[in-house]
Amino acid sequence: MALMDTQRFVPASGLALATKPLIAAVTAVISWNDTRMTRNALSKLTSRELEDIGIIPGDIDLIGR
């Protein structure tokens, strides 16, 4: 059996270091939007539907975090 390593080390260039804050900001916005969409979707469910998936209405905010 052969093993092939597909990961390569790429040293951080000036451009890569300059884009880190931008990437972090975009990642934070994506995460915030995912949380917002999840809360909205769960808020539209009835108590019975929430019970079917194993949560109660009071858990919606905790799940978003």
N, C-alpha and C. Protein backbone atom coordinates (compact mmCIF):
# COMPACT_ATOMS: atom_id res chain seq x y z
N MET A 1 0.84 -1.17 0.00
CA MET A 1 0.00 0.00 0.00
C MET A 1 0.89 1.24 0.00
N ALA A 2 0.57 2.17 -0.84
CA ALA A 2 1.37 3.39 -0.96
C ALA A 2 0.66 4.54 -0.25
N LEU A 3 1.47 5.43 0.28
CA LEU A 3 0.95 6.61 0.94
C LEU A 3 1.50 7.83 0.25
N MET A 4 0.60 8.73 -0.13
CA MET A 4 1.05 9.93 -0.81
C MET A 4 0.63 11.14 0.02
N ASP A 5 1.57 11.99 0.35
CA ASP A 5 1.29 13.19 1.10
C ASP A 5 0.90 14.30 0.15
N THR A 6 -0.32 14.83 0.31
CA THR A 6 -0.79 15.87 -0.60
C THR A 6 -0.73 17.25 0.02
N GLN A 7 -0.28 17.35 1.26
CA GLN A 7 -0.17 18.65 1.91
C GLN A 7 1.20 19.24 1.63
N ARG A 8 1.19 20.51 1.35
CA ARG A 8 2.45 21.18 1.07
C ARG A 8 2.58 22.39 1.96
N PHE A 9 3.78 22.64 2.44
CA PHE A 9 4.04 23.81 3.26
C PHE A 9 4.30 25.00 2.36
N VAL A 10 3.52 26.05 2.57
CA VAL A 10 3.70 27.28 1.80
C VAL A 10 4.05 28.37 2.81
N PRO A 11 5.25 28.92 2.72
CA PRO A 11 5.61 29.96 3.68
C PRO A 11 4.72 31.19 3.52
N ALA A 12 4.41 31.84 4.62
CA ALA A 12 3.55 33.02 4.59
C ALA A 12 4.25 34.17 3.90
N SER A 13 3.62 34.67 2.89
CA SER A 13 4.17 35.82 2.18
C SER A 13 3.55 37.09 2.76
N GLY A 14 4.04 38.23 2.33
CA GLY A 14 3.47 39.49 2.78
C GLY A 14 2.01 39.61 2.43
N LEU A 15 1.63 39.12 1.25
CA LEU A 15 0.23 39.18 0.83
C LEU A 15 -0.63 38.30 1.71
N ALA A 16 -0.13 37.11 2.02
CA ALA A 16 -0.89 36.19 2.86
C ALA A 16 -1.10 36.78 4.25
N LEU A 17 -0.09 37.43 4.79
CA LEU A 17 -0.22 38.04 6.10
C LEU A 17 -1.18 39.23 6.07
N ALA A 18 -1.21 39.94 4.97
CA ALA A 18 -2.09 41.10 4.84
C ALA A 18 -3.55 40.69 4.70
N THR A 19 -3.81 39.51 4.16
CA THR A 19 -5.19 39.08 3.95
C THR A 19 -5.77 38.35 5.15
N LYS A 20 -4.96 38.01 6.14
CA LYS A 20 -5.47 37.30 7.31
C LYS A 20 -6.61 38.04 8.01
N PRO A 21 -6.47 39.34 8.27
CA PRO A 21 -7.59 40.04 8.92
C PRO A 21 -8.87 40.05 8.06
N LEU A 22 -8.70 40.16 6.76
CA LEU A 22 -9.86 40.12 5.88
C LEU A 22 -10.54 38.76 5.93
N ILE A 23 -9.76 37.71 5.89
CA ILE A 23 -10.31 36.36 5.96
C ILE A 23 -11.01 36.15 7.30
N ALA A 24 -10.42 36.64 8.39
CA ALA A 24 -11.03 36.51 9.71
C ALA A 24 -12.36 37.26 9.76
N ALA A 25 -12.42 38.44 9.16
CA ALA A 25 -13.65 39.22 9.15
C ALA A 25 -14.74 38.52 8.34
N VAL A 26 -14.37 38.01 7.19
CA VAL A 26 -15.35 37.30 6.34
C VAL A 26 -15.85 36.05 7.06
N THR A 27 -14.96 35.33 7.70
CA THR A 27 -15.34 34.13 8.45
C THR A 27 -16.30 34.49 9.58
N ALA A 28 -16.04 35.59 10.28
CA ALA A 28 -16.92 36.02 11.37
C ALA A 28 -18.31 36.37 10.85
N VAL A 29 -18.38 37.04 9.71
CA VAL A 29 -19.68 37.41 9.13
C VAL A 29 -20.44 36.16 8.71
N ILE A 30 -19.75 35.21 8.11
CA ILE A 30 -20.39 33.96 7.69
C ILE A 30 -20.93 33.21 8.90
N SER A 31 -20.15 33.14 9.96
CA SER A 31 -20.57 32.46 11.18
C SER A 31 -21.79 33.15 11.79
N TRP A 32 -21.75 34.48 11.86
CA TRP A 32 -22.88 35.24 12.39
C TRP A 32 -24.14 34.98 11.58
N ASN A 33 -24.01 34.95 10.26
CA ASN A 33 -25.18 34.74 9.39
C ASN A 33 -25.72 33.32 9.56
N ASP A 34 -24.85 32.34 9.68
CA ASP A 34 -25.30 30.96 9.91
C ASP A 34 -26.10 30.86 11.21
N THR A 35 -25.60 31.52 12.26
CA THR A 35 -26.29 31.52 13.55
C THR A 35 -27.64 32.21 13.44
N ARG A 36 -27.68 33.33 12.76
CA ARG A 36 -28.93 34.08 12.56
C ARG A 36 -29.96 33.24 11.82
N MET A 37 -29.52 32.57 10.76
CA MET A 37 -30.44 31.75 9.97
C MET A 37 -30.95 30.55 10.77
N THR A 38 -30.08 29.96 11.57
CA THR A 38 -30.48 28.83 12.41
C THR A 38 -31.53 29.27 13.43
N ARG A 39 -31.28 30.40 14.10
CA ARG A 39 -32.26 30.91 15.06
C ARG A 39 -33.59 31.20 14.39
N ASN A 40 -33.57 31.83 13.23
CA ASN A 40 -34.82 32.14 12.52
C ASN A 40 -35.58 30.88 12.15
N ALA A 41 -34.86 29.88 11.66
CA ALA A 41 -35.52 28.64 11.26
C ALA A 41 -36.12 27.92 12.47
N LEU A 42 -35.37 27.87 13.57
CA LEU A 42 -35.88 27.20 14.77
C LEU A 42 -37.05 27.97 15.38
N SER A 43 -37.01 29.28 15.29
CA SER A 43 -38.09 30.10 15.86
C SER A 43 -39.41 29.89 15.13
N LYS A 44 -39.36 29.48 13.90
CA LYS A 44 -40.57 29.26 13.11
C LYS A 44 -41.23 27.91 13.41
N LEU A 45 -40.51 27.02 14.11
CA LEU A 45 -41.06 25.70 14.42
C LEU A 45 -41.98 25.77 15.63
N THR A 46 -42.95 24.86 15.66
CA THR A 46 -43.84 24.77 16.82
C THR A 46 -43.14 24.02 17.94
N SER A 47 -43.72 24.10 19.15
CA SER A 47 -43.14 23.40 20.29
C SER A 47 -43.08 21.90 20.02
N ARG A 48 -44.08 21.38 19.37
CA ARG A 48 -44.12 19.94 19.04
C ARG A 48 -42.99 19.57 18.08
N GLU A 49 -42.77 20.40 17.07
CA GLU A 49 -41.70 20.13 16.11
C GLU A 49 -40.34 20.23 16.78
N LEU A 50 -40.18 21.20 17.69
CA LEU A 50 -38.93 21.31 18.42
C LEU A 50 -38.70 20.09 19.30
N GLU A 51 -39.78 19.61 19.93
CA GLU A 51 -39.68 18.42 20.77
C GLU A 51 -39.26 17.20 19.95
N ASP A 52 -39.73 17.12 18.74
CA ASP A 52 -39.36 16.01 17.86
C ASP A 52 -37.86 15.96 17.58
N ILE A 53 -37.22 17.12 17.55
CA ILE A 53 -35.78 17.13 17.29
C ILE A 53 -34.97 17.23 18.59
N GLY A 54 -35.69 17.18 19.72
CA GLY A 54 -35.01 17.07 21.01
C GLY A 54 -34.61 18.36 21.68
N ILE A 55 -35.28 19.46 21.35
CA ILE A 55 -34.99 20.72 22.03
C ILE A 55 -36.29 21.36 22.48
N ILE A 56 -36.17 22.34 23.37
CA ILE A 56 -37.33 23.10 23.82
C ILE A 56 -37.16 24.54 23.34
N PRO A 57 -38.24 25.30 23.29
CA PRO A 57 -38.13 26.68 22.78
C PRO A 57 -37.07 27.51 23.49
N GLY A 58 -36.85 27.28 24.78
CA GLY A 58 -35.85 28.04 25.51
C GLY A 58 -34.42 27.73 25.10
N ASP A 59 -34.23 26.63 24.39
CA ASP A 59 -32.88 26.25 23.95
C ASP A 59 -32.45 26.93 22.67
N ILE A 60 -33.34 27.61 22.00
CA ILE A 60 -33.01 28.20 20.69
C ILE A 60 -31.83 29.16 20.78
N ASP A 61 -31.84 30.03 21.79
CA ASP A 61 -30.73 30.98 21.93
C ASP A 61 -29.43 30.27 22.29
N LEU A 62 -29.51 29.21 23.09
CA LEU A 62 -28.30 28.47 23.46
C LEU A 62 -27.70 27.76 22.26
N ILE A 63 -28.53 27.25 21.38
CA ILE A 63 -28.03 26.54 20.20
C ILE A 63 -27.33 27.51 19.26
N GLY A 64 -27.84 28.72 19.18
CA GLY A 64 -27.22 29.72 18.32
C GLY A 64 -25.82 30.10 18.75
N ARG A 65 -25.55 29.97 20.03
CA ARG A 65 -24.23 30.33 20.54
C ARG A 65 -23.31 29.19 20.30
